[in-house]
Amino acid sequence: MSGTRSPSRKAPATEDGRWPVWELALLLYPFAMAAVAINLFMASLIGIMLGWQALDPFTSILWAVPLGVPAALLAGRWVRSLIDEAEPPVKE
């Protein structure tokens, strides 16, 4: 049975119906920022062995706000590639 597919109201507003990387990055930013904050804090604790001063959690969060942007963009690119791999190619 062949038919036309109606456009979804939940689909992003792109020509081919794909989620752009920047939208995925925007959705993933809170998670990427939290991961960066945790990693900075843990790295500072490991740095104590080298004689460095440990970061307090608040400082780690402050540093994670700008550093979370590239992490979110990388995560968005990764998720976009996973979606592209999972979806069948669009036939025109």
PDB file of N, CA and C in Angstrom:
ATOM      1  N   MET A   1       0.841  -1.174   0.000  1.00  0.00           N
ATOM      2  CA  MET A   1       0.000   0.000   0.000  1.00  0.00           C
ATOM      3  C   MET A   1       0.886   1.237   0.000  1.00  0.00           C
ATOM      4  N   SER A   2       0.600   2.088  -0.891  1.00  0.00           N
ATOM      5  CA  SER A   2       1.412   3.284  -1.039  1.00  0.00           C
ATOM      6  C   SER A   2       0.572   4.499  -0.694  1.00  0.00           C
ATOM      7  N   GLY A   3       1.171   5.449  -0.037  1.00  0.00           N
ATOM      8  CA  GLY A   3       0.441   6.657   0.342  1.00  0.00           C
ATOM      9  C   GLY A   3       1.415   7.768   0.652  1.00  0.00           C
ATOM     10  N   THR A   4       0.862   8.905   0.933  1.00  0.00           N
ATOM     11  CA  THR A   4       1.712  10.031   1.302  1.00  0.00           C
ATOM     12  C   THR A   4       1.736  10.163   2.809  1.00  0.00           C
ATOM     13  N   ARG A   5       2.823  10.586   3.272  1.00  0.00           N
ATOM     14  CA  ARG A   5       3.012  10.761   4.702  1.00  0.00           C
ATOM     15  C   ARG A   5       2.738  12.202   5.061  1.00  0.00           C
ATOM     16  N   SER A   6       1.880  12.408   6.028  1.00  0.00           N
ATOM     17  CA  SER A   6       1.595  13.780   6.439  1.00  0.00           C
ATOM     18  C   SER A   6       2.729  14.283   7.324  1.00  0.00           C
ATOM     19  N   PRO A   7       3.032  15.561   7.255  1.00  0.00           N
ATOM     20  CA  PRO A   7       4.118  16.088   8.089  1.00  0.00           C
ATOM     21  C   PRO A   7       3.729  16.065   9.557  1.00  0.00           C
ATOM     22  N   SER A   8       4.692  15.728  10.368  1.00  0.00           N
ATOM     23  CA  SER A   8       4.464  15.668  11.804  1.00  0.00           C
ATOM     24  C   SER A   8       4.590  17.059  12.412  1.00  0.00           C
ATOM     25  N   ARG A   9       3.783  17.334  13.400  1.00  0.00           N
ATOM     26  CA  ARG A   9       3.883  18.631  14.080  1.00  0.00           C
ATOM     27  C   ARG A   9       5.084  18.674  15.008  1.00  0.00           C
ATOM     28  N   LYS A  10       5.611  17.508  15.368  1.00  0.00           N
ATOM     29  CA  LYS A  10       6.753  17.454  16.277  1.00  0.00           C
ATOM     30  C   LYS A  10       8.079  17.458  15.527  1.00  0.00           C
ATOM     31  N   ALA A  11       8.055  17.297  14.256  1.00  0.00           N
ATOM     32  CA  ALA A  11       9.287  17.256  13.483  1.00  0.00           C
ATOM     33  C   ALA A  11       9.912  18.649  13.421  1.00  0.00           C
ATOM     34  N   PRO A  12      11.237  18.709  13.432  1.00  0.00           N
ATOM     35  CA  PRO A  12      11.894  20.010  13.343  1.00  0.00           C
ATOM     36  C   PRO A  12      11.651  20.654  11.981  1.00  0.00           C
ATOM     37  N   ALA A  13      11.775  21.954  11.946  1.00  0.00           N
ATOM     38  CA  ALA A  13      11.482  22.704  10.727  1.00  0.00           C
ATOM     39  C   ALA A  13      12.713  22.766   9.836  1.00  0.00           C
ATOM     40  N   THR A  14      13.083  21.628   9.283  1.00  0.00           N
ATOM     41  CA  THR A  14      14.171  21.598   8.311  1.00  0.00           C
ATOM     42  C   THR A  14      13.623  21.020   7.024  1.00  0.00           C
ATOM     43  N   GLU A  15      14.355  21.207   5.957  1.00  0.00           N
ATOM     44  CA  GLU A  15      13.890  20.752   4.649  1.00  0.00           C
ATOM     45  C   GLU A  15      13.738  19.238   4.586  1.00  0.00           C
ATOM     46  N   ASP A  16      14.699  18.520   5.152  1.00  0.00           N
ATOM     47  CA  ASP A  16      14.666  17.067   5.044  1.00  0.00           C
ATOM     48  C   ASP A  16      14.134  16.392   6.312  1.00  0.00           C
ATOM     49  N   GLY A  17      13.660  17.154   7.284  1.00  0.00           N
ATOM     50  CA  GLY A  17      13.080  16.580   8.494  1.00  0.00           C
ATOM     51  C   GLY A  17      14.098  16.090   9.499  1.00  0.00           C
ATOM     52  N   ARG A  18      15.368  16.401   9.292  1.00  0.00           N
ATOM     53  CA  ARG A  18      16.420  15.958  10.217  1.00  0.00           C
ATOM     54  C   ARG A  18      16.633  16.997  11.314  1.00  0.00           C
ATOM     55  N   TRP A  19      17.019  16.507  12.482  1.00  0.00           N
ATOM     56  CA  TRP A  19      17.387  17.420  13.569  1.00  0.00           C
ATOM     57  C   TRP A  19      18.755  18.007  13.260  1.00  0.00           C
ATOM     58  N   PRO A  20      18.896  19.327  13.259  1.00  0.00           N
ATOM     59  CA  PRO A  20      20.228  19.923  13.065  1.00  0.00           C
ATOM     60  C   PRO A  20      21.094  19.722  14.309  1.00  0.00           C
ATOM     61  N   VAL A  21      22.392  19.736  14.091  1.00  0.00           N
ATOM     62  CA  VAL A  21      23.338  19.499  15.178  1.00  0.00           C
ATOM     63  C   VAL A  21      23.180  20.542  16.275  1.00  0.00           C
ATOM     64  N   TRP A  22      22.941  21.797  15.900  1.00  0.00           N
ATOM     65  CA  TRP A  22      22.849  22.846  16.931  1.00  0.00           C
ATOM     66  C   TRP A  22      21.648  22.631  17.836  1.00  0.00           C
ATOM     67  N   GLU A  23      20.530  22.099  17.311  1.00  0.00           N
ATOM     68  CA  GLU A  23      19.376  21.829  18.165  1.00  0.00           C
ATOM     69  C   GLU A  23      19.649  20.669  19.104  1.00  0.00           C
ATOM     70  N   LEU A  24      20.316  19.641  18.580  1.00  0.00           N
ATOM     71  CA  LEU A  24      20.699  18.523  19.443  1.00  0.00           C
ATOM     72  C   LEU A  24      21.656  19.000  20.538  1.00  0.00           C
ATOM     73  N   ALA A  25      22.598  19.862  20.162  1.00  0.00           N
ATOM     74  CA  ALA A  25      23.549  20.387  21.144  1.00  0.00           C
ATOM     75  C   ALA A  25      22.836  21.217  22.202  1.00  0.00           C
ATOM     76  N   LEU A  26      21.836  21.971  21.790  1.00  0.00           N
ATOM     77  CA  LEU A  26      21.074  22.771  22.749  1.00  0.00           C
ATOM     78  C   LEU A  26      20.333  21.876  23.742  1.00  0.00           C
ATOM     79  N   LEU A  27      19.779  20.782  23.244  1.00  0.00           N
ATOM     80  CA  LEU A  27      19.093  19.846  24.132  1.00  0.00           C
ATOM     81  C   LEU A  27      20.054  19.116  25.061  1.00  0.00           C
ATOM     82  N   LEU A  28      21.261  18.845  24.588  1.00  0.00           N
ATOM     83  CA  LEU A  28      22.234  18.074  25.364  1.00  0.00           C
ATOM     84  C   LEU A  28      23.115  18.948  26.260  1.00  0.00           C
ATOM     85  N   TYR A  29      23.026  20.271  26.122  1.00  0.00           N
ATOM     86  CA  TYR A  29      23.911  21.161  26.876  1.00  0.00           C
ATOM     87  C   TYR A  29      23.858  20.946  28.391  1.00  0.00           C
ATOM     88  N   PRO A  30      22.685  20.851  29.027  1.00  0.00           N
ATOM     89  CA  PRO A  30      22.702  20.663  30.488  1.00  0.00           C
ATOM     90  C   PRO A  30      23.442  19.402  30.925  1.00  0.00           C
ATOM     91  N   PHE A  31      23.309  18.344  30.147  1.00  0.00           N
ATOM     92  CA  PHE A  31      23.984  17.095  30.489  1.00  0.00           C
ATOM     93  C   PHE A  31      25.484  17.185  30.240  1.00  0.00           C
ATOM     94  N   ALA A  32      25.863  17.826  29.143  1.00  0.00           N
ATOM     95  CA  ALA A  32      27.283  18.001  28.835  1.00  0.00           C
ATOM     96  C   ALA A  32      27.946  18.906  29.862  1.00  0.00           C
ATOM     97  N   MET A  33      27.261  19.989  30.252  1.00  0.00           N
ATOM     98  CA  MET A  33      27.818  20.897  31.248  1.00  0.00           C
ATOM     99  C   MET A  33      28.007  20.186  32.585  1.00  0.00           C
ATOM    100  N   ALA A  34      27.027  19.377  32.987  1.00  0.00           N
ATOM    101  CA  ALA A  34      27.140  18.640  34.244  1.00  0.00           C
ATOM    102  C   ALA A  34      28.295  17.644  34.184  1.00  0.00           C
ATOM    103  N   ALA A  35      28.462  16.979  33.046  1.00  0.00           N
ATOM    104  CA  ALA A  35      29.565  16.027  32.904  1.00  0.00           C
ATOM    105  C   ALA A  35      30.913  16.738  32.979  1.00  0.00           C
ATOM    106  N   VAL A  36      31.009  17.911  32.358  1.00  0.00           N
ATOM    107  CA  VAL A  36      32.258  18.684  32.410  1.00  0.00           C
ATOM    108  C   VAL A  36      32.537  19.124  33.843  1.00  0.00           C
ATOM    109  N   ALA A  37      31.521  19.577  34.567  1.00  0.00           N
ATOM    110  CA  ALA A  37      31.711  20.013  35.954  1.00  0.00           C
ATOM    111  C   ALA A  37      32.202  18.869  36.827  1.00  0.00           C
ATOM    112  N   ILE A  38      31.600  17.701  36.671  1.00  0.00           N
ATOM    113  CA  ILE A  38      32.024  16.542  37.469  1.00  0.00           C
ATOM    114  C   ILE A  38      33.452  16.159  37.132  1.00  0.00           C
ATOM    115  N   ASN A  39      33.779  16.147  35.842  1.00  0.00           N
ATOM    116  CA  ASN A  39      35.133  15.776  35.437  1.00  0.00           C
ATOM    117  C   ASN A  39      36.173  16.786  35.911  1.00  0.00           C
ATOM    118  N   LEU A  40      35.836  18.081  35.866  1.00  0.00           N
ATOM    119  CA  LEU A  40      36.767  19.091  36.382  1.00  0.00           C
ATOM    120  C   LEU A  40      37.011  18.908  37.874  1.00  0.00           C
ATOM    121  N   PHE A  41      35.942  18.670  38.615  1.00  0.00           N
ATOM    122  CA  PHE A  41      36.069  18.488  40.057  1.00  0.00           C
ATOM    123  C   PHE A  41      36.906  17.250  40.374  1.00  0.00           C
ATOM    124  N   MET A  42      36.631  16.147  39.690  1.00  0.00           N
ATOM    125  CA  MET A  42      37.395  14.918  39.938  1.00  0.00           C
ATOM    126  C   MET A  42      38.857  15.075  39.520  1.00  0.00           C
ATOM    127  N   ALA A  43      39.095  15.766  38.404  1.00  0.00           N
ATOM    128  CA  ALA A  43      40.473  16.006  37.972  1.00  0.00           C
ATOM    129  C   ALA A  43      41.215  16.870  38.978  1.00  0.00           C
ATOM    130  N   SER A  44      40.518  17.821  39.581  1.00  0.00           N
ATOM    131  CA  SER A  44      41.188  18.653  40.585  1.00  0.00           C
ATOM    132  C   SER A  44      41.516  17.843  41.838  1.00  0.00           C
ATOM    133  N   LEU A  45      40.684  16.873  42.148  1.00  0.00           N
ATOM    134  CA  LEU A  45      41.004  16.004  43.285  1.00  0.00           C
ATOM    135  C   LEU A  45      42.216  15.136  42.992  1.00  0.00           C
ATOM    136  N   ILE A  46      42.337  14.675  41.759  1.00  0.00           N
ATOM    137  CA  ILE A  46      43.523  13.904  41.370  1.00  0.00           C
ATOM    138  C   ILE A  46      44.745  14.814  41.358  1.00  0.00           C
ATOM    139  N   GLY A  47      44.540  16.085  41.003  1.00  0.00           N
ATOM    140  CA  GLY A  47      45.643  17.047  40.975  1.00  0.00           C
ATOM    141  C   GLY A  47      46.250  17.322  42.342  1.00  0.00           C
ATOM    142  N   ILE A  48      45.550  16.980  43.407  1.00  0.00           N
ATOM    143  CA  ILE A  48      46.097  17.153  44.760  1.00  0.00           C
ATOM    144  C   ILE A  48      47.381  16.346  44.906  1.00  0.00           C
ATOM    145  N   MET A  49      47.442  15.183  44.259  1.00  0.00           N
ATOM    146  CA  MET A  49      48.650  14.354  44.331  1.00  0.00           C
ATOM    147  C   MET A  49      49.850  15.060  43.703  1.00  0.00           C
ATOM    148  N   LEU A  50      49.588  15.968  42.772  1.00  0.00           N
ATOM    149  CA  LEU A  50      50.660  16.713  42.122  1.00  0.00           C
ATOM    150  C   LEU A  50      50.973  18.022  42.839  1.00  0.00           C
ATOM    151  N   GLY A  51      50.270  18.268  43.935  1.00  0.00           N
ATOM    152  CA  GLY A  51      50.513  19.480  44.692  1.00  0.00           C
ATOM    153  C   GLY A  51      49.637  20.640  44.278  1.00  0.00           C
ATOM    154  N   TRP A  52      48.673  20.402  43.411  1.00  0.00           N
ATOM    155  CA  TRP A  52      47.777  21.461  42.987  1.00  0.00           C
ATOM    156  C   TRP A  52      46.671  21.649  44.005  1.00  0.00           C
ATOM    157  N   GLN A  53      46.009  22.767  43.920  1.00  0.00           N
ATOM    158  CA  GLN A  53      44.907  23.052  44.820  1.00  0.00           C
ATOM    159  C   GLN A  53      43.611  22.499  44.226  1.00  0.00           C
ATOM    160  N   ALA A  54      42.773  21.934  45.064  1.00  0.00           N
ATOM    161  CA  ALA A  54      41.510  21.366  44.589  1.00  0.00           C
ATOM    162  C   ALA A  54      40.504  22.481  44.309  1.00  0.00           C
ATOM    163  N   LEU A  55      39.668  22.260  43.293  1.00  0.00           N
ATOM    164  CA  LEU A  55      38.585  23.186  42.996  1.00  0.00           C
ATOM    165  C   LEU A  55      37.389  22.848  43.876  1.00  0.00           C
ATOM    166  N   ASP A  56      36.714  23.867  44.344  1.00  0.00           N
ATOM    167  CA  ASP A  56      35.473  23.574  45.062  1.00  0.00           C
ATOM    168  C   ASP A  56      34.381  23.328  44.015  1.00  0.00           C
ATOM    169  N   PRO A  57      33.289  22.670  44.393  1.00  0.00           N
ATOM    170  CA  PRO A  57      32.252  22.340  43.404  1.00  0.00           C
ATOM    171  C   PRO A  57      31.669  23.561  42.686  1.00  0.00           C
ATOM    172  N   PHE A  58      31.502  24.668  43.385  1.00  0.00           N
ATOM    173  CA  PHE A  58      30.951  25.864  42.754  1.00  0.00           C
ATOM    174  C   PHE A  58      31.867  26.384  41.649  1.00  0.00           C
ATOM    175  N   THR A  59      33.167  26.398  41.892  1.00  0.00           N
ATOM    176  CA  THR A  59      34.124  26.845  40.877  1.00  0.00           C
ATOM    177  C   THR A  59      34.120  25.899  39.682  1.00  0.00           C
ATOM    178  N   SER A  60      33.979  24.612  39.945  1.00  0.00           N
ATOM    179  CA  SER A  60      33.899  23.641  38.850  1.00  0.00           C
ATOM    180  C   SER A  60      32.680  23.908  37.972  1.00  0.00           C
ATOM    181  N   ILE A  61      31.566  24.250  38.596  1.00  0.00           N
ATOM    182  CA  ILE A  61      30.350  24.551  37.833  1.00  0.00           C
ATOM    183  C   ILE A  61      30.541  25.826  37.012  1.00  0.00           C
ATOM    184  N   LEU A  62      31.180  26.845  37.609  1.00  0.00           N
ATOM    185  CA  LEU A  62      31.419  28.087  36.866  1.00  0.00           C
ATOM    186  C   LEU A  62      32.291  27.853  35.640  1.00  0.00           C
ATOM    187  N   TRP A  63      33.326  27.032  35.780  1.00  0.00           N
ATOM    188  CA  TRP A  63      34.188  26.710  34.652  1.00  0.00           C
ATOM    189  C   TRP A  63      33.451  25.855  33.625  1.00  0.00           C
ATOM    190  N   ALA A  64      32.502  25.038  34.087  1.00  0.00           N
ATOM    191  CA  ALA A  64      31.794  24.132  33.181  1.00  0.00           C
ATOM    192  C   ALA A  64      30.789  24.859  32.295  1.00  0.00           C
ATOM    193  N   VAL A  65      30.328  26.029  32.705  1.00  0.00           N
ATOM    194  CA  VAL A  65      29.341  26.756  31.894  1.00  0.00           C
ATOM    195  C   VAL A  65      29.903  27.060  30.499  1.00  0.00           C
ATOM    196  N   PRO A  66      31.075  27.689  30.358  1.00  0.00           N
ATOM    197  CA  PRO A  66      31.576  27.911  28.994  1.00  0.00           C
ATOM    198  C   PRO A  66      32.168  26.656  28.360  1.00  0.00           C
ATOM    199  N   LEU A  67      32.776  25.784  29.177  1.00  0.00           N
ATOM    200  CA  LEU A  67      33.393  24.586  28.615  1.00  0.00           C
ATOM    201  C   LEU A  67      32.358  23.545  28.196  1.00  0.00           C
ATOM    202  N   GLY A  68      31.127  23.705  28.636  1.00  0.00           N
ATOM    203  CA  GLY A  68      30.070  22.780  28.240  1.00  0.00           C
ATOM    204  C   GLY A  68      29.603  22.992  26.814  1.00  0.00           C
ATOM    205  N   VAL A  69      29.861  24.169  26.251  1.00  0.00           N
ATOM    206  CA  VAL A  69      29.425  24.468  24.875  1.00  0.00           C
ATOM    207  C   VAL A  69      30.122  23.559  23.863  1.00  0.00           C
ATOM    208  N   PRO A  70      31.466  23.488  23.847  1.00  0.00           N
ATOM    209  CA  PRO A  70      32.080  22.573  22.878  1.00  0.00           C
ATOM    210  C   PRO A  70      31.749  21.113  23.168  1.00  0.00           C
ATOM    211  N   ALA A  71      31.589  20.763  24.439  1.00  0.00           N
ATOM    212  CA  ALA A  71      31.220  19.386  24.777  1.00  0.00           C
ATOM    213  C   ALA A  71      29.826  19.062  24.245  1.00  0.00           C
ATOM    214  N   ALA A  72      28.904  20.015  24.343  1.00  0.00           N
ATOM    215  CA  ALA A  72      27.549  19.801  23.823  1.00  0.00           C
ATOM    216  C   ALA A  72      27.552  19.723  22.297  1.00  0.00           C
ATOM    217  N   LEU A  73      28.372  20.533  21.641  1.00  0.00           N
ATOM    218  CA  LEU A  73      28.456  20.462  20.176  1.00  0.00           C
ATOM    219  C   LEU A  73      29.008  19.119  19.719  1.00  0.00           C
ATOM    220  N   LEU A  74      30.022  18.627  20.413  1.00  0.00           N
ATOM    221  CA  LEU A  74      30.560  17.309  20.076  1.00  0.00           C
ATOM    222  C   LEU A  74      29.536  16.215  20.332  1.00  0.00           C
ATOM    223  N   ALA A  75      28.808  16.326  21.426  1.00  0.00           N
ATOM    224  CA  ALA A  75      27.759  15.345  21.721  1.00  0.00           C
ATOM    225  C   ALA A  75      26.650  15.419  20.683  1.00  0.00           C
ATOM    226  N   GLY A  76      26.301  16.621  20.238  1.00  0.00           N
ATOM    227  CA  GLY A  76      25.289  16.780  19.206  1.00  0.00           C
ATOM    228  C   GLY A  76      25.715  16.161  17.885  1.00  0.00           C
ATOM    229  N   ARG A  77      26.979  16.344  17.510  1.00  0.00           N
ATOM    230  CA  ARG A  77      27.488  15.713  16.289  1.00  0.00           C
ATOM    231  C   ARG A  77      27.465  14.203  16.400  1.00  0.00           C
ATOM    232  N   TRP A  78      27.816  13.681  17.575  1.00  0.00           N
ATOM    233  CA  TRP A  78      27.833  12.242  17.797  1.00  0.00           C
ATOM    234  C   TRP A  78      26.415  11.671  17.706  1.00  0.00           C
ATOM    235  N   VAL A  79      25.451  12.328  18.359  1.00  0.00           N
ATOM    236  CA  VAL A  79      24.063  11.862  18.323  1.00  0.00           C
ATOM    237  C   VAL A  79      23.508  11.964  16.904  1.00  0.00           C
ATOM    238  N   ARG A  80      23.848  13.043  16.180  1.00  0.00           N
ATOM    239  CA  ARG A  80      23.397  13.178  14.794  1.00  0.00           C
ATOM    240  C   ARG A  80      23.902  12.016  13.941  1.00  0.00           C
ATOM    241  N   SER A  81      25.169  11.622  14.149  1.00  0.00           N
ATOM    242  CA  SER A  81      25.714  10.498  13.377  1.00  0.00           C
ATOM    243  C   SER A  81      25.024   9.189  13.748  1.00  0.00           C
ATOM    244  N   LEU A  82      24.675   9.026  15.023  1.00  0.00           N
ATOM    245  CA  LEU A  82      23.952   7.820  15.426  1.00  0.00           C
ATOM    246  C   LEU A  82      22.555   7.779  14.809  1.00  0.00           C
ATOM    247  N   ILE A  83      21.884   8.931  14.765  1.00  0.00           N
ATOM    248  CA  ILE A  83      20.556   8.993  14.150  1.00  0.00           C
ATOM    249  C   ILE A  83      20.659   8.702  12.655  1.00  0.00           C
ATOM    250  N   ASP A  84      21.658   9.278  11.990  1.00  0.00           N
ATOM    251  CA  ASP A  84      21.841   9.031  10.560  1.00  0.00           C
ATOM    252  C   ASP A  84      22.102   7.554  10.285  1.00  0.00           C
ATOM    253  N   GLU A  85      22.845   6.917  11.159  1.00  0.00           N
ATOM    254  CA  GLU A  85      23.144   5.506  10.993  1.00  0.00           C
ATOM    255  C   GLU A  85      21.903   4.635  11.219  1.00  0.00           C
ATOM    256  N   ALA A  86      21.056   5.041  12.160  1.00  0.00           N
ATOM    257  CA  ALA A  86      19.887   4.234  12.506  1.00  0.00           C
ATOM    258  C   ALA A  86      18.720   4.412  11.534  1.00  0.00           C
ATOM    259  N   GLU A  87      18.578   5.595  10.949  1.00  0.00           N
ATOM    260  CA  GLU A  87      17.457   5.856  10.050  1.00  0.00           C
ATOM    261  C   GLU A  87      17.755   5.327   8.655  1.00  0.00           C
ATOM    262  N   PRO A  88      16.740   4.800   8.004  1.00  0.00           N
ATOM    263  CA  PRO A  88      16.963   4.376   6.606  1.00  0.00           C
ATOM    264  C   PRO A  88      17.122   5.600   5.709  1.00  0.00           C
ATOM    265  N   PRO A  89      17.842   5.448   4.605  1.00  0.00           N
ATOM    266  CA  PRO A  89      18.003   6.596   3.708  1.00  0.00           C
ATOM    267  C   PRO A  89      16.655   7.021   3.117  1.00  0.00           C
ATOM    268  N   VAL A  90      16.501   8.313   2.909  1.00  0.00           N
ATOM    269  CA  VAL A  90      15.261   8.859   2.364  1.00  0.00           C
ATOM    270  C   VAL A  90      15.275   8.687   0.859  1.00  0.00           C
ATOM    271  N   LYS A  91      14.214   8.070   0.320  1.00  0.00           N
ATOM    272  CA  LYS A  91      14.098   7.903  -1.138  1.00  0.00           C
ATOM    273  C   LYS A  91      13.272   9.035  -1.706  1.00  0.00           C
ATOM    274  N   GLU A  92      13.745   9.602  -2.774  1.00  0.00           N
ATOM    275  CA  GLU A  92      13.022  10.707  -3.392  1.00  0.00           C
ATOM    276  C   GLU A  92      12.396  10.282  -4.684  1.00  0.00           C
TER     277      GLU A  92
END
